[in-house]
N, C-alpha and C. Protein backbone atom coordinates (compact mmCIF):
# COMPACT_ATOMS: atom_id res chain seq x y z
N MET A 1 -35.46 -73.50 20.43
CA MET A 1 -35.22 -74.89 20.74
C MET A 1 -36.23 -75.35 21.79
N ALA A 2 -36.78 -76.52 21.60
CA ALA A 2 -37.81 -77.03 22.51
C ALA A 2 -37.22 -77.43 23.86
N ASN A 3 -38.02 -77.25 24.89
CA ASN A 3 -37.61 -77.67 26.23
C ASN A 3 -37.89 -79.16 26.41
N ASN A 4 -37.15 -79.79 27.32
CA ASN A 4 -37.38 -81.19 27.63
C ASN A 4 -38.75 -81.36 28.28
N LYS A 5 -39.43 -82.42 27.92
CA LYS A 5 -40.74 -82.71 28.51
C LYS A 5 -40.58 -83.30 29.90
N THR A 6 -39.52 -84.09 30.10
CA THR A 6 -39.32 -84.77 31.36
C THR A 6 -38.25 -84.06 32.18
N THR A 7 -38.69 -83.43 33.25
CA THR A 7 -37.76 -82.73 34.14
C THR A 7 -38.00 -83.19 35.57
N GLN A 8 -37.01 -82.94 36.41
CA GLN A 8 -37.14 -83.33 37.81
C GLN A 8 -38.23 -82.52 38.47
N THR A 9 -39.03 -83.19 39.31
CA THR A 9 -40.14 -82.54 40.01
C THR A 9 -39.96 -82.72 41.51
N GLU A 10 -40.86 -82.13 42.26
CA GLU A 10 -40.86 -82.27 43.72
C GLU A 10 -41.86 -83.34 44.18
N SER A 11 -42.47 -84.06 43.24
CA SER A 11 -43.44 -85.10 43.60
C SER A 11 -42.78 -86.19 44.43
N SER A 12 -43.58 -86.87 45.23
CA SER A 12 -43.09 -87.90 46.13
C SER A 12 -42.91 -89.24 45.40
N VAL A 13 -41.70 -89.78 45.50
CA VAL A 13 -41.43 -91.11 44.96
C VAL A 13 -42.24 -92.16 45.72
N THR A 14 -42.30 -92.02 47.02
CA THR A 14 -43.06 -92.97 47.85
C THR A 14 -44.53 -92.98 47.47
N ASP A 15 -45.12 -91.80 47.31
CA ASP A 15 -46.53 -91.73 46.90
C ASP A 15 -46.73 -92.37 45.53
N PHE A 16 -45.79 -92.13 44.62
CA PHE A 16 -45.89 -92.71 43.28
C PHE A 16 -45.87 -94.23 43.36
N ILE A 17 -44.91 -94.78 44.09
CA ILE A 17 -44.81 -96.24 44.21
C ILE A 17 -46.06 -96.80 44.90
N ASN A 18 -46.51 -96.15 45.95
CA ASN A 18 -47.70 -96.63 46.66
C ASN A 18 -48.96 -96.59 45.81
N SER A 19 -48.95 -95.80 44.75
CA SER A 19 -50.12 -95.71 43.88
C SER A 19 -50.19 -96.84 42.85
N ILE A 20 -49.16 -97.65 42.76
CA ILE A 20 -49.15 -98.77 41.81
C ILE A 20 -50.12 -99.84 42.30
N GLU A 21 -51.09 -100.16 41.47
CA GLU A 21 -52.16 -101.08 41.88
C GLU A 21 -51.70 -102.53 41.99
N ASN A 22 -50.87 -102.97 41.07
CA ASN A 22 -50.42 -104.36 41.06
C ASN A 22 -49.43 -104.59 42.20
N ASP A 23 -49.75 -105.54 43.09
CA ASP A 23 -48.93 -105.79 44.27
C ASP A 23 -47.49 -106.16 43.93
N VAL A 24 -47.31 -107.06 42.98
CA VAL A 24 -45.96 -107.50 42.60
C VAL A 24 -45.17 -106.34 42.02
N LYS A 25 -45.79 -105.59 41.14
CA LYS A 25 -45.09 -104.46 40.52
C LYS A 25 -44.75 -103.40 41.57
N ARG A 26 -45.65 -103.16 42.51
CA ARG A 26 -45.38 -102.19 43.57
C ARG A 26 -44.21 -102.64 44.45
N GLU A 27 -44.23 -103.91 44.85
CA GLU A 27 -43.14 -104.44 45.68
C GLU A 27 -41.82 -104.46 44.91
N ASP A 28 -41.84 -104.89 43.66
CA ASP A 28 -40.63 -104.89 42.83
C ASP A 28 -40.10 -103.47 42.66
N SER A 29 -40.99 -102.52 42.46
CA SER A 29 -40.57 -101.13 42.27
C SER A 29 -39.87 -100.59 43.51
N ALA A 30 -40.40 -100.91 44.68
CA ALA A 30 -39.76 -100.47 45.92
C ALA A 30 -38.38 -101.10 46.06
N ARG A 31 -38.25 -102.35 45.69
CA ARG A 31 -36.94 -103.02 45.74
C ARG A 31 -35.97 -102.42 44.75
N VAL A 32 -36.45 -102.09 43.56
CA VAL A 32 -35.59 -101.47 42.54
C VAL A 32 -35.09 -100.12 43.03
N VAL A 33 -35.96 -99.33 43.63
CA VAL A 33 -35.55 -98.02 44.14
C VAL A 33 -34.44 -98.20 45.18
N GLU A 34 -34.60 -99.15 46.08
CA GLU A 34 -33.55 -99.42 47.08
C GLU A 34 -32.26 -99.86 46.41
N LEU A 35 -32.37 -100.77 45.45
CA LEU A 35 -31.20 -101.30 44.75
C LEU A 35 -30.43 -100.18 44.05
N ILE A 36 -31.13 -99.36 43.27
CA ILE A 36 -30.44 -98.31 42.52
C ILE A 36 -29.88 -97.25 43.47
N GLN A 37 -30.61 -96.94 44.51
CA GLN A 37 -30.12 -95.96 45.48
C GLN A 37 -28.82 -96.47 46.13
N GLN A 38 -28.78 -97.74 46.49
CA GLN A 38 -27.57 -98.31 47.08
C GLN A 38 -26.42 -98.31 46.08
N GLN A 39 -26.70 -98.62 44.84
CA GLN A 39 -25.64 -98.69 43.83
C GLN A 39 -25.09 -97.31 43.46
N THR A 40 -25.95 -96.31 43.40
CA THR A 40 -25.52 -94.99 42.94
C THR A 40 -25.19 -94.02 44.07
N GLY A 41 -25.81 -94.24 45.24
CA GLY A 41 -25.64 -93.29 46.33
C GLY A 41 -26.53 -92.07 46.21
N PHE A 42 -27.40 -92.04 45.20
CA PHE A 42 -28.29 -90.90 44.99
C PHE A 42 -29.69 -91.19 45.50
N GLU A 43 -30.32 -90.15 46.05
CA GLU A 43 -31.72 -90.24 46.47
C GLU A 43 -32.61 -90.31 45.23
N PRO A 44 -33.69 -91.06 45.30
CA PRO A 44 -34.62 -91.11 44.16
C PRO A 44 -35.41 -89.81 44.06
N LYS A 45 -35.61 -89.35 42.84
CA LYS A 45 -36.39 -88.15 42.56
C LYS A 45 -37.33 -88.45 41.39
N MET A 46 -38.49 -87.86 41.41
CA MET A 46 -39.42 -88.02 40.30
C MET A 46 -38.98 -87.12 39.14
N TRP A 47 -39.03 -87.67 37.95
CA TRP A 47 -38.78 -86.94 36.72
C TRP A 47 -40.07 -87.07 35.91
N GLY A 48 -40.75 -85.97 35.71
CA GLY A 48 -42.06 -86.04 35.08
C GLY A 48 -43.01 -86.74 36.02
N THR A 49 -43.99 -87.42 35.45
CA THR A 49 -45.02 -88.06 36.28
C THR A 49 -44.78 -89.54 36.53
N SER A 50 -43.80 -90.15 35.81
CA SER A 50 -43.70 -91.61 35.94
C SER A 50 -42.28 -92.18 35.90
N ILE A 51 -41.27 -91.33 35.91
CA ILE A 51 -39.89 -91.83 35.92
C ILE A 51 -39.24 -91.46 37.24
N ILE A 52 -38.58 -92.43 37.84
CA ILE A 52 -37.81 -92.21 39.06
C ILE A 52 -36.35 -92.14 38.63
N GLY A 53 -35.72 -91.01 38.93
CA GLY A 53 -34.33 -90.82 38.54
C GLY A 53 -33.40 -90.78 39.73
N PHE A 54 -32.16 -91.13 39.48
CA PHE A 54 -31.12 -91.16 40.50
C PHE A 54 -29.93 -90.37 39.97
N GLY A 55 -29.62 -89.26 40.64
CA GLY A 55 -28.57 -88.39 40.14
C GLY A 55 -29.02 -87.69 38.88
N SER A 56 -28.17 -86.86 38.35
CA SER A 56 -28.49 -86.19 37.08
C SER A 56 -27.19 -85.76 36.41
N TYR A 57 -27.30 -85.46 35.15
CA TYR A 57 -26.18 -84.93 34.39
C TYR A 57 -26.74 -83.99 33.33
N GLN A 58 -25.87 -83.11 32.84
CA GLN A 58 -26.29 -82.23 31.76
C GLN A 58 -25.63 -82.70 30.47
N TYR A 59 -26.45 -82.97 29.48
CA TYR A 59 -25.94 -83.41 28.19
C TYR A 59 -25.96 -82.24 27.22
N ARG A 60 -25.14 -82.34 26.21
CA ARG A 60 -25.10 -81.35 25.15
C ARG A 60 -24.79 -82.09 23.85
N TYR A 61 -25.70 -82.00 22.89
CA TYR A 61 -25.50 -82.65 21.61
C TYR A 61 -24.74 -81.74 20.66
N ASP A 62 -24.18 -82.31 19.60
CA ASP A 62 -23.47 -81.53 18.59
C ASP A 62 -24.36 -80.45 17.98
N SER A 63 -25.67 -80.71 17.97
CA SER A 63 -26.63 -79.76 17.41
C SER A 63 -26.77 -78.50 18.27
N GLY A 64 -26.24 -78.58 19.51
CA GLY A 64 -26.39 -77.47 20.45
C GLY A 64 -27.48 -77.71 21.48
N ARG A 65 -28.34 -78.68 21.22
CA ARG A 65 -29.41 -78.99 22.18
C ARG A 65 -28.76 -79.49 23.47
N LYS A 66 -29.27 -79.00 24.60
CA LYS A 66 -28.76 -79.46 25.88
C LYS A 66 -29.90 -79.58 26.86
N GLY A 67 -29.64 -80.30 27.92
CA GLY A 67 -30.66 -80.47 28.93
C GLY A 67 -30.14 -81.35 30.06
N ASP A 68 -31.00 -81.59 31.02
CA ASP A 68 -30.68 -82.44 32.15
C ASP A 68 -31.43 -83.76 32.03
N ALA A 69 -30.79 -84.80 32.52
CA ALA A 69 -31.40 -86.13 32.50
C ALA A 69 -30.95 -86.88 33.75
N PRO A 70 -31.74 -87.87 34.17
CA PRO A 70 -31.29 -88.68 35.31
C PRO A 70 -30.11 -89.56 34.90
N LEU A 71 -29.16 -89.71 35.81
CA LEU A 71 -28.01 -90.58 35.56
C LEU A 71 -28.50 -92.01 35.32
N ILE A 72 -29.41 -92.47 36.17
CA ILE A 72 -30.08 -93.77 36.01
C ILE A 72 -31.57 -93.50 36.19
N GLY A 73 -32.38 -94.06 35.32
CA GLY A 73 -33.81 -93.88 35.43
C GLY A 73 -34.53 -95.22 35.51
N PHE A 74 -35.69 -95.19 36.13
CA PHE A 74 -36.51 -96.39 36.29
C PHE A 74 -37.98 -95.98 36.24
N SER A 75 -38.79 -96.80 35.59
CA SER A 75 -40.23 -96.54 35.58
C SER A 75 -41.01 -97.85 35.57
N PRO A 76 -41.96 -97.99 36.50
CA PRO A 76 -42.82 -99.17 36.50
C PRO A 76 -43.96 -98.97 35.50
N ARG A 77 -43.70 -99.23 34.25
CA ARG A 77 -44.70 -99.07 33.19
C ARG A 77 -45.73 -100.19 33.26
N LYS A 78 -46.78 -100.04 32.51
CA LYS A 78 -47.87 -101.02 32.52
C LYS A 78 -47.38 -102.42 32.15
N ASP A 79 -46.58 -102.52 31.11
CA ASP A 79 -46.16 -103.83 30.61
C ASP A 79 -44.86 -104.34 31.20
N ALA A 80 -44.03 -103.45 31.78
CA ALA A 80 -42.73 -103.91 32.25
C ALA A 80 -42.10 -102.89 33.19
N LEU A 81 -41.16 -103.37 33.99
CA LEU A 81 -40.30 -102.49 34.75
C LEU A 81 -39.25 -102.00 33.75
N THR A 82 -39.14 -100.70 33.59
CA THR A 82 -38.28 -100.13 32.56
C THR A 82 -37.10 -99.44 33.20
N PHE A 83 -35.90 -99.81 32.74
CA PHE A 83 -34.66 -99.22 33.22
C PHE A 83 -34.06 -98.37 32.11
N TYR A 84 -33.77 -97.11 32.42
CA TYR A 84 -33.17 -96.20 31.46
C TYR A 84 -31.68 -96.15 31.75
N LEU A 85 -30.92 -96.84 30.90
CA LEU A 85 -29.48 -96.98 31.07
C LEU A 85 -28.77 -96.51 29.81
N SER A 86 -27.48 -96.32 29.91
CA SER A 86 -26.68 -96.00 28.72
C SER A 86 -26.76 -97.17 27.74
N ALA A 87 -26.81 -96.86 26.48
CA ALA A 87 -26.86 -97.92 25.46
C ALA A 87 -25.48 -98.43 25.11
N ASN A 88 -24.42 -97.77 25.60
CA ASN A 88 -23.07 -98.07 25.11
C ASN A 88 -22.05 -98.39 26.18
N PHE A 89 -22.45 -98.78 27.38
CA PHE A 89 -21.43 -99.05 28.39
C PHE A 89 -20.71 -100.36 28.10
N THR A 90 -19.48 -100.45 28.58
CA THR A 90 -18.63 -101.62 28.35
C THR A 90 -19.26 -102.88 28.93
N GLY A 91 -19.31 -103.91 28.09
CA GLY A 91 -19.82 -105.21 28.53
C GLY A 91 -21.33 -105.32 28.54
N ARG A 92 -22.03 -104.35 27.95
CA ARG A 92 -23.50 -104.36 27.99
C ARG A 92 -24.08 -105.65 27.42
N ALA A 93 -23.62 -106.05 26.24
CA ALA A 93 -24.17 -107.25 25.59
C ALA A 93 -23.95 -108.50 26.44
N GLU A 94 -22.75 -108.62 27.01
CA GLU A 94 -22.44 -109.79 27.83
C GLU A 94 -23.30 -109.82 29.09
N LEU A 95 -23.49 -108.65 29.71
CA LEU A 95 -24.33 -108.60 30.91
C LEU A 95 -25.79 -108.90 30.58
N LEU A 96 -26.26 -108.41 29.45
CA LEU A 96 -27.64 -108.71 29.05
C LEU A 96 -27.85 -110.21 28.87
N GLU A 97 -26.82 -110.91 28.36
CA GLU A 97 -26.92 -112.36 28.19
C GLU A 97 -27.08 -113.06 29.53
N LYS A 98 -26.50 -112.49 30.59
CA LYS A 98 -26.54 -113.10 31.92
C LYS A 98 -27.70 -112.60 32.77
N LEU A 99 -28.39 -111.55 32.30
CA LEU A 99 -29.40 -110.89 33.12
C LEU A 99 -30.60 -111.78 33.44
N GLY A 100 -31.06 -112.50 32.46
CA GLY A 100 -32.29 -113.28 32.62
C GLY A 100 -33.31 -112.78 31.61
N LYS A 101 -34.56 -113.08 31.85
CA LYS A 101 -35.64 -112.76 30.91
C LYS A 101 -35.85 -111.24 30.83
N HIS A 102 -35.66 -110.67 29.63
CA HIS A 102 -35.78 -109.23 29.43
C HIS A 102 -35.98 -108.93 27.96
N LYS A 103 -36.29 -107.69 27.67
CA LYS A 103 -36.31 -107.14 26.32
C LYS A 103 -35.51 -105.84 26.37
N THR A 104 -35.07 -105.38 25.22
CA THR A 104 -34.32 -104.13 25.19
C THR A 104 -34.83 -103.20 24.11
N GLY A 105 -34.59 -101.92 24.34
CA GLY A 105 -34.75 -100.88 23.34
C GLY A 105 -33.39 -100.23 23.22
N LYS A 106 -33.30 -99.06 22.64
CA LYS A 106 -32.00 -98.42 22.45
C LYS A 106 -31.23 -98.33 23.75
N GLY A 107 -31.76 -97.63 24.73
CA GLY A 107 -31.09 -97.50 26.01
C GLY A 107 -31.89 -98.10 27.14
N CYS A 108 -33.00 -98.73 26.81
CA CYS A 108 -33.89 -99.26 27.85
C CYS A 108 -33.77 -100.77 27.97
N VAL A 109 -33.98 -101.23 29.19
CA VAL A 109 -34.08 -102.66 29.47
C VAL A 109 -35.43 -102.86 30.14
N TYR A 110 -36.20 -103.80 29.62
CA TYR A 110 -37.55 -104.07 30.12
C TYR A 110 -37.60 -105.45 30.74
N ILE A 111 -38.12 -105.54 31.97
CA ILE A 111 -38.33 -106.84 32.60
C ILE A 111 -39.74 -106.88 33.19
N LYS A 112 -40.29 -108.07 33.27
CA LYS A 112 -41.64 -108.22 33.82
C LYS A 112 -41.62 -108.16 35.35
N THR A 113 -40.76 -108.96 35.96
CA THR A 113 -40.64 -108.98 37.42
C THR A 113 -39.17 -109.17 37.79
N LEU A 114 -38.82 -108.79 39.00
CA LEU A 114 -37.45 -108.99 39.47
C LEU A 114 -37.10 -110.46 39.59
N GLN A 115 -38.12 -111.29 39.79
CA GLN A 115 -37.91 -112.73 39.88
C GLN A 115 -37.31 -113.30 38.59
N ASP A 116 -37.51 -112.59 37.46
CA ASP A 116 -37.04 -113.05 36.16
C ASP A 116 -35.56 -112.78 35.91
N VAL A 117 -34.90 -112.00 36.79
CA VAL A 117 -33.53 -111.57 36.48
C VAL A 117 -32.56 -111.82 37.63
N ASN A 118 -31.29 -111.80 37.28
CA ASN A 118 -30.20 -111.92 38.24
C ASN A 118 -29.91 -110.51 38.78
N LEU A 119 -30.20 -110.28 40.05
CA LEU A 119 -30.05 -108.94 40.63
C LEU A 119 -28.59 -108.48 40.68
N ASP A 120 -27.65 -109.40 40.82
CA ASP A 120 -26.24 -109.00 40.80
C ASP A 120 -25.84 -108.46 39.43
N VAL A 121 -26.37 -109.06 38.39
CA VAL A 121 -26.10 -108.57 37.03
C VAL A 121 -26.76 -107.20 36.84
N LEU A 122 -27.97 -107.05 37.32
CA LEU A 122 -28.65 -105.76 37.22
C LEU A 122 -27.85 -104.67 37.94
N LYS A 123 -27.34 -104.97 39.12
CA LYS A 123 -26.52 -104.01 39.86
C LYS A 123 -25.29 -103.62 39.06
N GLU A 124 -24.64 -104.60 38.45
CA GLU A 124 -23.45 -104.33 37.63
C GLU A 124 -23.82 -103.44 36.44
N MET A 125 -24.96 -103.66 35.85
CA MET A 125 -25.40 -102.84 34.72
C MET A 125 -25.63 -101.40 35.16
N VAL A 126 -26.23 -101.22 36.33
CA VAL A 126 -26.45 -99.88 36.87
C VAL A 126 -25.10 -99.19 37.09
N ASP A 127 -24.16 -99.89 37.71
CA ASP A 127 -22.83 -99.32 37.95
C ASP A 127 -22.15 -98.91 36.66
N ARG A 128 -22.10 -99.81 35.71
CA ARG A 128 -21.39 -99.53 34.45
C ARG A 128 -22.07 -98.42 33.66
N SER A 129 -23.38 -98.41 33.66
CA SER A 129 -24.10 -97.36 32.95
C SER A 129 -23.80 -96.00 33.56
N ALA A 130 -23.89 -95.91 34.88
CA ALA A 130 -23.62 -94.64 35.57
C ALA A 130 -22.19 -94.17 35.31
N ASN A 131 -21.23 -95.08 35.40
CA ASN A 131 -19.84 -94.73 35.15
C ASN A 131 -19.62 -94.27 33.71
N HIS A 132 -20.29 -94.92 32.78
CA HIS A 132 -20.15 -94.53 31.37
C HIS A 132 -20.69 -93.14 31.13
N ILE A 133 -21.84 -92.84 31.67
CA ILE A 133 -22.43 -91.51 31.49
C ILE A 133 -21.55 -90.45 32.15
N ARG A 134 -21.03 -90.74 33.33
CA ARG A 134 -20.14 -89.77 34.01
C ARG A 134 -18.88 -89.50 33.17
N THR A 135 -18.40 -90.51 32.45
CA THR A 135 -17.22 -90.33 31.60
C THR A 135 -17.54 -89.41 30.42
N ILE A 136 -18.69 -89.60 29.82
CA ILE A 136 -19.08 -88.79 28.65
C ILE A 136 -19.46 -87.37 29.06
N TYR A 137 -20.16 -87.24 30.19
CA TYR A 137 -20.66 -85.95 30.65
C TYR A 137 -20.14 -85.67 32.06
N PRO A 138 -18.84 -85.38 32.20
CA PRO A 138 -18.33 -85.09 33.55
C PRO A 138 -18.96 -83.81 34.08
N SER A 139 -19.17 -83.76 35.39
CA SER A 139 -19.83 -82.58 35.97
C SER A 139 -18.84 -81.47 36.22
């Protein structure tokens, strides 16, 4: 069975954020790290080279594949600030309607800048996503 490509590392979150060339994206990323840390109570950790994770859980699929993943993940990608959240938490669709300008993937939410979204809604999404994952994968 293949190993996960993205695992927690000892790299510095601060150094990673400081390396972001775009001023707005760098400042937004620092604010996001503070926001998620306050909401989850977890210290930010680098996962791979470009994902900042908060907390972790061990998943196990019916196939037997298992691994560790961040409870909440965030990455300042080239095109958007990317949030790695549960795809199935309660009220997700309603919160997305209230969030502001964004795009979504299966479990990802993409925004251009924090100015485009309602931060209270984003905080609620982080809370609900973390709680949902903890329910499915209790430690």
